[in-house]
C-alpha atoms as a PDB file:
ATOM      1  CA  MET A   1      -8.509 -14.791   9.084  1.00  0.00           C
ATOM      2  CA  LEU A   2      -9.813 -13.775   5.671  1.00  0.00           C
ATOM      3  CA  LEU A   3      -8.418 -10.811   3.764  1.00  0.00           C
ATOM      4  CA  HIS A   4     -10.488  -9.358   0.925  1.00  0.00           C
ATOM      5  CA  GLY A   5      -8.489  -7.389  -1.623  1.00  0.00           C
ATOM      6  CA  ASN A   6      -7.015  -7.061  -5.078  1.00  0.00           C
ATOM      7  CA  PRO A   7      -3.334  -8.109  -5.079  1.00  0.00           C
ATOM      8  CA  PHE A   8      -2.558  -5.137  -7.366  1.00  0.00           C
ATOM      9  CA  SER A   9      -3.688  -2.716  -4.644  1.00  0.00           C
ATOM     10  CA  PRO A  10      -0.719  -1.135  -2.843  1.00  0.00           C
ATOM     11  CA  PHE A  11      -2.821  -0.979   0.330  1.00  0.00           C
ATOM     12  CA  VAL A  12      -3.521  -4.709   0.179  1.00  0.00           C
ATOM     13  CA  ARG A  13       0.140  -5.375  -0.509  1.00  0.00           C
ATOM     14  CA  LYS A  14       1.158  -3.313   2.518  1.00  0.00           C
ATOM     15  CA  VAL A  15      -0.964  -5.571   4.735  1.00  0.00           C
ATOM     16  CA  LEU A  16       0.419  -8.717   3.120  1.00  0.00           C
ATOM     17  CA  VAL A  17       4.016  -7.518   3.434  1.00  0.00           C
ATOM     18  CA  LEU A  18       3.496  -6.826   7.134  1.00  0.00           C
ATOM     19  CA  ALA A  19       1.935 -10.276   7.531  1.00  0.00           C
ATOM     20  CA  HIS A  20       4.983 -11.896   5.943  1.00  0.00           C
ATOM     21  CA  GLU A  21       7.424  -9.797   7.966  1.00  0.00           C
ATOM     22  CA  THR A  22       5.712 -10.799  11.228  1.00  0.00           C
ATOM     23  CA  GLY A  23       5.225 -14.487  10.424  1.00  0.00           C
ATOM     24  CA  LEU A  24       1.437 -14.176  10.236  1.00  0.00           C
ATOM     25  CA  ALA A  25       0.983 -14.807   6.523  1.00  0.00           C
ATOM     26  CA  GLY A  26       0.114 -18.464   7.070  1.00  0.00           C
ATOM     27  CA  GLN A  27      -2.824 -17.445   9.269  1.00  0.00           C
ATOM     28  CA  ILE A  28      -4.439 -15.294   6.574  1.00  0.00           C
ATOM     29  CA  LYS A  29      -6.455 -16.552   3.639  1.00  0.00           C
ATOM     30  CA  HIS A  30      -6.351 -13.991   0.842  1.00  0.00           C
ATOM     31  CA  ARG A  31      -9.492 -13.699  -1.265  1.00  0.00           C
ATOM     32  CA  HIS A  32      -8.958 -11.889  -4.568  1.00  0.00           C
ATOM     33  CA  ALA A  33     -11.690  -9.244  -4.627  1.00  0.00           C
ATOM     34  CA  SER A  34     -12.028  -7.669  -8.055  1.00  0.00           C
ATOM     35  CA  MET A  35     -13.794  -4.327  -7.862  1.00  0.00           C
ATOM     36  CA  THR A  36     -13.792  -0.746  -9.088  1.00  0.00           C
ATOM     37  CA  PRO A  37     -15.877   2.266  -8.025  1.00  0.00           C
ATOM     38  CA  LEU A  38     -18.228   1.287 -10.859  1.00  0.00           C
ATOM     39  CA  SER A  39     -18.468  -2.425 -10.083  1.00  0.00           C
ATOM     40  CA  PRO A  40     -18.389  -3.366  -6.386  1.00  0.00           C
ATOM     41  CA  ASP A  41     -17.598  -6.887  -5.252  1.00  0.00           C
ATOM     42  CA  PRO A  42     -20.739  -8.371  -3.600  1.00  0.00           C
ATOM     43  CA  ALA A  43     -18.856 -10.571  -1.149  1.00  0.00           C
ATOM     44  CA  LEU A  44     -16.703  -7.637  -0.094  1.00  0.00           C
ATOM     45  CA  THR A  45     -19.588  -5.208   0.387  1.00  0.00           C
ATOM     46  CA  THR A  46     -21.226  -7.760   2.670  1.00  0.00           C
ATOM     47  CA  ASP A  47     -18.296  -7.349   5.058  1.00  0.00           C
ATOM     48  CA  ASN A  48     -17.401  -3.733   4.318  1.00  0.00           C
ATOM     49  CA  PRO A  49     -20.144  -1.305   3.248  1.00  0.00           C
ATOM     50  CA  LEU A  50     -17.520   0.867   1.545  1.00  0.00           C
ATOM     51  CA  GLY A  51     -16.656  -2.006  -0.767  1.00  0.00           C
ATOM     52  CA  LYS A  52     -12.941  -1.290  -0.482  1.00  0.00           C
ATOM     53  CA  GLY A  53      -9.974  -3.528   0.121  1.00  0.00           C
ATOM     54  CA  PRO A  54      -8.198  -4.437   2.180  1.00  0.00           C
ATOM     55  CA  THR A  55     -10.855  -5.721   4.526  1.00  0.00           C
ATOM     56  CA  LEU A  56      -9.969  -8.295   7.178  1.00  0.00           C
ATOM     57  CA  VAL A  57     -12.478 -10.719   8.671  1.00  0.00           C
ATOM     58  CA  CYS A  58     -11.015 -11.897  11.966  1.00  0.00           C
ATOM     59  CA  ASP A  59     -11.413 -15.375  13.388  1.00  0.00           C
ATOM     60  CA  ASP A  60     -13.871 -14.055  15.982  1.00  0.00           C
ATOM     61  CA  GLY A  61     -16.042 -12.466  13.284  1.00  0.00           C
ATOM     62  CA  ARG A  62     -14.881  -8.890  13.699  1.00  0.00           C
ATOM     63  CA  VAL A  63     -14.343  -7.003  10.456  1.00  0.00           C
ATOM     64  CA  LEU A  64     -11.515  -4.481  10.180  1.00  0.00           C
ATOM     65  CA  TYR A  65     -10.694  -1.857   7.557  1.00  0.00           C
ATOM     66  CA  ASP A  66      -8.717   0.065   6.230  1.00  0.00           C
ATOM     67  CA  SER A  67      -5.044  -0.915   5.788  1.00  0.00           C
ATOM     68  CA  ARG A  68      -3.870   1.254   8.692  1.00  0.00           C
ATOM     69  CA  VAL A  69      -6.294  -0.384  11.123  1.00  0.00           C
ATOM     70  CA  ILE A  70      -5.511  -3.876   9.831  1.00  0.00           C
ATOM     71  CA  CYS A  71      -1.751  -3.349  10.086  1.00  0.00           C
ATOM     72  CA  ASP A  72      -2.071  -2.037  13.644  1.00  0.00           C
ATOM     73  CA  PHE A  73      -4.188  -5.067  14.581  1.00  0.00           C
ATOM     74  CA  LEU A  74      -1.860  -7.621  12.991  1.00  0.00           C
ATOM     75  CA  ASP A  75       1.187  -5.989  14.536  1.00  0.00           C
ATOM     76  CA  GLY A  76      -0.271  -6.802  17.957  1.00  0.00           C
ATOM     77  CA  LEU A  77      -0.588 -10.524  17.226  1.00  0.00           C
ATOM     78  CA  HIS A  78       3.057 -11.542  16.887  1.00  0.00           C
ATOM     79  CA  LYS A  79       5.889 -11.890  19.397  1.00  0.00           C
ATOM     80  CA  GLY A  80       8.592 -10.038  17.478  1.00  0.00           C
ATOM     81  CA  PRO A  81       9.531  -6.342  17.506  1.00  0.00           C
ATOM     82  CA  ARG A  82       6.615  -4.057  16.718  1.00  0.00           C
ATOM     83  CA  LEU A  83       6.609  -2.580  13.222  1.00  0.00           C
ATOM     84  CA  LEU A  84       4.413   0.208  14.602  1.00  0.00           C
ATOM     85  CA  PRO A  85       5.942   1.263  17.941  1.00  0.00           C
ATOM     86  CA  ALA A  86       3.482   1.478  20.795  1.00  0.00           C
ATOM     87  CA  ALA A  87       4.190   5.044  21.866  1.00  0.00           C
ATOM     88  CA  GLY A  88       6.474   8.035  21.746  1.00  0.00           C
ATOM     89  CA  PRO A  89       8.072  10.156  19.017  1.00  0.00           C
ATOM     90  CA  ILE A  90       9.169   7.082  17.059  1.00  0.00           C
ATOM     91  CA  ARG A  91       5.538   5.985  16.711  1.00  0.00           C
ATOM     92  CA  LEU A  92       4.588   9.388  15.339  1.00  0.00           C
ATOM     93  CA  ASP A  93       7.465   9.252  12.860  1.00  0.00           C
ATOM     94  CA  VAL A  94       6.399   5.815  11.602  1.00  0.00           C
ATOM     95  CA  LEU A  95       2.782   6.981  11.314  1.00  0.00           C
ATOM     96  CA  ARG A  96       3.864  10.107   9.443  1.00  0.00           C
ATOM     97  CA  ARG A  97       5.922   8.126   6.945  1.00  0.00           C
ATOM     98  CA  GLN A  98       3.041   5.712   6.491  1.00  0.00           C
ATOM     99  CA  ALA A  99       0.691   8.658   5.886  1.00  0.00           C
ATOM    100  CA  LEU A 100       3.041  10.071   3.230  1.00  0.00           C
ATOM    101  CA  ALA A 101       3.195   6.718   1.453  1.00  0.00           C
ATOM    102  CA  ASP A 102      -0.556   6.193   1.750  1.00  0.00           C
ATOM    103  CA  GLY A 103      -1.169   9.629   0.262  1.00  0.00           C
ATOM    104  CA  LEU A 104       1.028   8.743  -2.708  1.00  0.00           C
ATOM    105  CA  MET A 105      -0.904   5.494  -3.108  1.00  0.00           C
ATOM    106  CA  ASP A 106      -4.230   7.350  -2.983  1.00  0.00           C
ATOM    107  CA  ALA A 107      -3.162   9.746  -5.726  1.00  0.00           C
ATOM    108  CA  ALA A 108      -1.771   6.942  -7.887  1.00  0.00           C
ATOM    109  CA  VAL A 109      -4.896   4.788  -7.551  1.00  0.00           C
ATOM    110  CA  LEU A 110      -7.070   7.787  -8.454  1.00  0.00           C
ATOM    111  CA  LEU A 111      -4.882   8.399 -11.505  1.00  0.00           C
ATOM    112  CA  ARG A 112      -5.318   4.774 -12.492  1.00  0.00           C
ATOM    113  CA  TYR A 113      -9.103   5.109 -12.324  1.00  0.00           C
ATOM    114  CA  GLU A 114      -9.064   8.391 -14.209  1.00  0.00           C
ATOM    115  CA  THR A 115      -6.879   7.139 -17.052  1.00  0.00           C
ATOM    116  CA  VAL A 116      -8.313   3.626 -17.387  1.00  0.00           C
ATOM    117  CA  LEU A 117     -11.976   3.764 -16.341  1.00  0.00           C
ATOM    118  CA  ARG A 118     -13.016   7.258 -17.380  1.00  0.00           C
ATOM    119  CA  PRO A 119     -13.722   7.757 -21.086  1.00  0.00           C
ATOM    120  CA  ALA A 120     -10.939   9.747 -22.718  1.00  0.00           C
ATOM    121  CA  ALA A 121     -13.270  12.585 -23.720  1.00  0.00           C
ATOM    122  CA  LEU A 122     -14.275  13.127 -20.079  1.00  0.00           C
ATOM    123  CA  ARG A 123     -10.825  13.139 -18.499  1.00  0.00           C
ATOM    124  CA  TRP A 124      -9.750  16.295 -16.654  1.00  0.00           C
ATOM    125  CA  PRO A 125      -6.126  17.205 -17.482  1.00  0.00           C
ATOM    126  CA  GLU A 126      -5.770  19.720 -14.659  1.00  0.00           C
ATOM    127  CA  TRP A 127      -6.996  17.173 -12.109  1.00  0.00           C
ATOM    128  CA  ILE A 128      -4.589  14.569 -13.497  1.00  0.00           C
ATOM    129  CA  ALA A 129      -1.753  17.082 -13.215  1.00  0.00           C
ATOM    130  CA  GLY A 130      -2.761  17.758  -9.621  1.00  0.00           C
ATOM    131  CA  GLN A 131      -2.462  14.079  -8.710  1.00  0.00           C
ATOM    132  CA  TRP A 132       0.951  13.884 -10.361  1.00  0.00           C
ATOM    133  CA  GLY A 133       1.960  16.904  -8.320  1.00  0.00           C
ATOM    134  CA  LYS A 134       1.075  15.066  -5.101  1.00  0.00           C
ATOM    135  CA  ILE A 135       3.003  12.012  -6.231  1.00  0.00           C
ATOM    136  CA  ASP A 136       6.128  13.919  -7.241  1.00  0.00           C
ATOM    137  CA  ARG A 137       6.159  15.972  -4.046  1.00  0.00           C
ATOM    138  CA  ALA A 138       5.728  12.796  -1.983  1.00  0.00           C
ATOM    139  CA  VAL A 139       8.617  11.049  -3.746  1.00  0.00           C
ATOM    140  CA  ASP A 140      10.756  14.166  -3.318  1.00  0.00           C
ATOM    141  CA  ALA A 141       9.986  14.120   0.411  1.00  0.00           C
ATOM    142  CA  MET A 142      10.898  10.433   0.608  1.00  0.00           C
ATOM    143  CA  ALA A 143      14.160  11.110  -1.215  1.00  0.00           C
ATOM    144  CA  ALA A 144      15.010  14.077   1.007  1.00  0.00           C
ATOM    145  CA  GLU A 145      14.877  12.039   4.210  1.00  0.00           C
ATOM    146  CA  SER A 146      17.845  10.054   5.442  1.00  0.00           C
ATOM    147  CA  VAL A 147      17.546   6.516   4.113  1.00  0.00           C
ATOM    148  CA  ASN A 148      15.786   4.564   6.832  1.00  0.00           C
ATOM    149  CA  THR A 149      17.392   1.164   7.314  1.00  0.00           C
ATOM    150  CA  ASN A 150      14.907   0.143   9.996  1.00  0.00           C
ATOM    151  CA  ILE A 151      12.122  -2.208   8.990  1.00  0.00           C
ATOM    152  CA  ASP A 152       8.912  -0.662  10.246  1.00  0.00           C
ATOM    153  CA  LEU A 153       5.459   0.115   8.945  1.00  0.00           C
ATOM    154  CA  GLY A 154       6.576   3.410   7.435  1.00  0.00           C
ATOM    155  CA  THR A 155       9.386   1.660   5.587  1.00  0.00           C
ATOM    156  CA  LEU A 156       7.075  -1.046   4.238  1.00  0.00           C
ATOM    157  CA  ALA A 157       4.413   1.453   3.175  1.00  0.00           C
ATOM    158  CA  THR A 158       7.026   3.519   1.323  1.00  0.00           C
ATOM    159  CA  ALA A 159       8.278   0.462  -0.537  1.00  0.00           C
ATOM    160  CA  CYS A 160       4.744  -0.575  -1.517  1.00  0.00           C
ATOM    161  CA  ALA A 161       3.968   2.932  -2.778  1.00  0.00           C
ATOM    162  CA  LEU A 162       7.061   3.095  -4.979  1.00  0.00           C
ATOM    163  CA  ALA A 163       6.449  -0.435  -6.238  1.00  0.00           C
ATOM    164  CA  TYR A 164       2.936   0.578  -7.283  1.00  0.00           C
ATOM    165  CA  LEU A 165       4.358   3.395  -9.405  1.00  0.00           C
ATOM    166  CA  ASP A 166       6.584   0.835 -11.126  1.00  0.00           C
ATOM    167  CA  ILE A 167       3.618  -1.456 -11.796  1.00  0.00           C
ATOM    168  CA  ARG A 168       1.071   1.084 -12.987  1.00  0.00           C
ATOM    169  CA  PHE A 169       3.180   3.976 -14.283  1.00  0.00           C
ATOM    170  CA  PRO A 170       6.589   2.585 -15.280  1.00  0.00           C
ATOM    171  CA  GLU A 171       7.046   5.372 -17.806  1.00  0.00           C
ATOM    172  CA  HIS A 172       6.973   8.052 -15.094  1.00  0.00           C
ATOM    173  CA  GLY A 173      10.576   7.458 -14.064  1.00  0.00           C
ATOM    174  CA  TRP A 174      10.410   8.349 -10.369  1.00  0.00           C
ATOM    175  CA  ARG A 175      14.065   7.274  -9.939  1.00  0.00           C
ATOM    176  CA  GLN A 176      15.413  10.185 -11.985  1.00  0.00           C
ATOM    177  CA  ASN A 177      17.635  12.405  -9.808  1.00  0.00           C
ATOM    178  CA  ARG A 178      16.768  10.247  -6.765  1.00  0.00           C
ATOM    179  CA  ALA A 179      19.629   7.749  -6.819  1.00  0.00           C
ATOM    180  CA  ASP A 180      19.767   7.137  -3.069  1.00  0.00           C
ATOM    181  CA  LEU A 181      16.045   6.427  -2.849  1.00  0.00           C
ATOM    182  CA  ALA A 182      16.243   4.181  -5.908  1.00  0.00           C
ATOM    183  CA  ALA A 183      19.106   2.181  -4.385  1.00  0.00           C
ATOM    184  CA  TRP A 184      17.248   1.861  -1.079  1.00  0.00           C
ATOM    185  CA  PHE A 185      14.130   0.649  -2.865  1.00  0.00           C
ATOM    186  CA  SER A 186      16.089  -1.845  -4.930  1.00  0.00           C
ATOM    187  CA  SER A 187      17.588  -3.342  -1.784  1.00  0.00           C
ATOM    188  CA  LEU A 188      14.282  -3.461   0.094  1.00  0.00           C
ATOM    189  CA  SER A 189      12.548  -5.060  -2.885  1.00  0.00           C
ATOM    190  CA  GLU A 190      14.751  -8.127  -2.415  1.00  0.00           C
ATOM    191  CA  ARG A 191      13.337  -8.843   1.034  1.00  0.00           C
ATOM    192  CA  ALA A 192      11.403 -12.099   1.170  1.00  0.00           C
ATOM    193  CA  ALA A 193       8.190 -10.315   2.185  1.00  0.00           C
ATOM    194  CA  MET A 194       8.313  -8.000  -0.823  1.00  0.00           C
ATOM    195  CA  MET A 195       9.135 -10.804  -3.219  1.00  0.00           C
ATOM    196  CA  ALA A 196       6.355 -13.021  -1.850  1.00  0.00           C
ATOM    197  CA  THR A 197       3.739 -10.304  -2.389  1.00  0.00           C
ATOM    198  CA  ARG A 198       4.577  -9.234  -5.913  1.00  0.00           C
ATOM    199  CA  PRO A 199       1.349  -8.990  -7.912  1.00  0.00           C
ATOM    200  CA  PRO A 200       0.808 -11.551 -10.672  1.00  0.00           C
ATOM    201  CA  THR A 201       1.991 -10.674 -14.147  1.00  0.00           C
ATOM    202  CA  GLU A 202      -1.573 -10.410 -15.407  1.00  0.00           C
ATOM    203  CA  GLU A 203      -4.593  -8.850 -13.730  1.00  0.00           C
END
């Protein structure tokens, strides 16, 4: 299988973490796709008209996107416990926690584009503040929940979202007044799957 995506993307990392957790990482070749909304990656747009990573090209030629679809697909390929339960209230809870983390990632990626790609004179302070509001409310919601010691797709997505804040916005200080969440994240970050998928030091 071939995975298109930038290793700095939290969505790509979520897929890679799941692949490592399920023992599938060795079956996936990761192609570093470098793209922005202003400069699409030609090889990626051939497989995904949206030009977004992650995009997975399966061995049978099928192409899957986005990260939620890819994670669901990969989770059905291994023999271990499902990281996305097949049915019932627990499945909905995992999906909800994944959605919260994905929403944080969306807002953070948009902030990255706004503050790096858009010329300073054209930036919209109120819009930037709105994205920070989403991020802070999402982290507050994560902190308010009982610390989840289960390893599931919601857990992994949450860890990838918080890690992305550390990478792109280290000055934001999301740990302040959230000691339990910070301790949980620190522990989860030491898992082999998280360590194996850390982005390179330089982009």
